Protein backbone atom coordinates (compact mmCIF):
# COMPACT_ATOMS: atom_id res chain seq x y z
CA MET A 1 -0.18 -0.05 -0.21
CA ASP A 2 1.34 3.35 -0.73
CA HIS A 3 2.17 5.34 2.11
CA ARG A 4 1.16 8.90 0.07
CA LEU A 5 -2.37 6.97 -0.35
CA LEU A 6 -2.64 6.50 3.24
CA GLU A 7 -2.29 10.27 4.00
CA ILE A 8 -5.36 11.33 1.81
CA VAL A 9 -7.96 8.43 2.14
CA ALA A 10 -10.52 8.68 5.10
CA CYS A 11 -13.10 6.42 6.38
CA PRO A 12 -16.50 7.03 4.63
CA VAL A 13 -18.57 6.78 7.86
CA CYS A 14 -16.47 9.12 10.45
CA GLN A 15 -13.64 10.85 7.80
CA GLY A 16 -10.90 9.81 10.38
CA LYS A 17 -7.84 8.32 9.72
CA LEU A 18 -7.22 4.77 8.27
CA LYS A 19 -4.58 2.31 9.14
CA TYR A 20 -3.18 -0.39 6.39
CA GLN A 21 -3.05 -3.77 8.10
CA LYS A 22 -1.04 -5.79 5.90
CA ASN A 23 -1.42 -9.16 7.15
CA THR A 24 -5.38 -9.09 6.29
CA ASP A 25 -4.57 -6.40 3.14
CA GLU A 26 -7.46 -4.16 4.78
CA LEU A 27 -7.69 -0.49 5.56
CA VAL A 28 -9.08 -0.28 9.23
CA CYS A 29 -10.85 2.37 10.93
CA ARG A 30 -10.16 1.93 14.75
CA PHE A 31 -13.22 4.28 15.71
CA ASP A 32 -15.68 2.65 13.90
CA ARG A 33 -14.09 -1.08 14.05
CA LEU A 34 -14.67 -1.42 10.49
CA ALA A 35 -11.90 -2.85 7.92
CA TYR A 36 -12.22 -1.91 4.39
CA PRO A 37 -11.08 -4.51 1.95
CA ILE A 38 -8.45 -4.05 -0.85
CA LYS A 39 -9.22 -5.43 -4.10
CA GLU A 40 -6.46 -5.68 -6.82
CA GLY A 41 -4.67 -2.93 -5.18
CA ILE A 42 -7.52 -0.66 -4.82
CA PRO A 43 -9.29 0.20 -1.73
CA VAL A 44 -13.05 -0.67 -1.58
CA LEU A 45 -14.19 2.07 0.71
CA LEU A 46 -17.99 1.60 0.74
CA GLU A 47 -19.58 0.78 4.10
CA ASN A 48 -21.47 -1.92 2.96
CA GLU A 49 -18.45 -3.94 1.84
CA ALA A 50 -16.46 -3.34 5.18
CA ARG A 51 -16.57 -5.86 7.69
CA SER A 52 -17.13 -5.22 11.43
CA MET A 53 -14.03 -5.95 13.59
CA THR A 54 -14.11 -7.35 16.85
CA LEU A 55 -12.32 -5.99 20.09
CA GLU A 56 -9.94 -8.90 19.97
CA GLU A 57 -8.99 -7.84 16.50
CA MET A 58 -8.49 -4.33 17.52
CA GLU A 59 -6.19 -4.82 20.32
CA SER A 60 -3.85 -7.24 18.05
């Protein structure tokens, strides 16, 4: 994931910063506990495509 892209993308729900999670290849919003997939190198920033994360996942 290009670090320059991470500087400009935001969570579509809360407009917060997203963190790249390398092991799952997802962009994570820690505030909303949502993980947005990256498909073929393109972030899919749609709320209905995001998966909810558990507290255990957020802590790791």
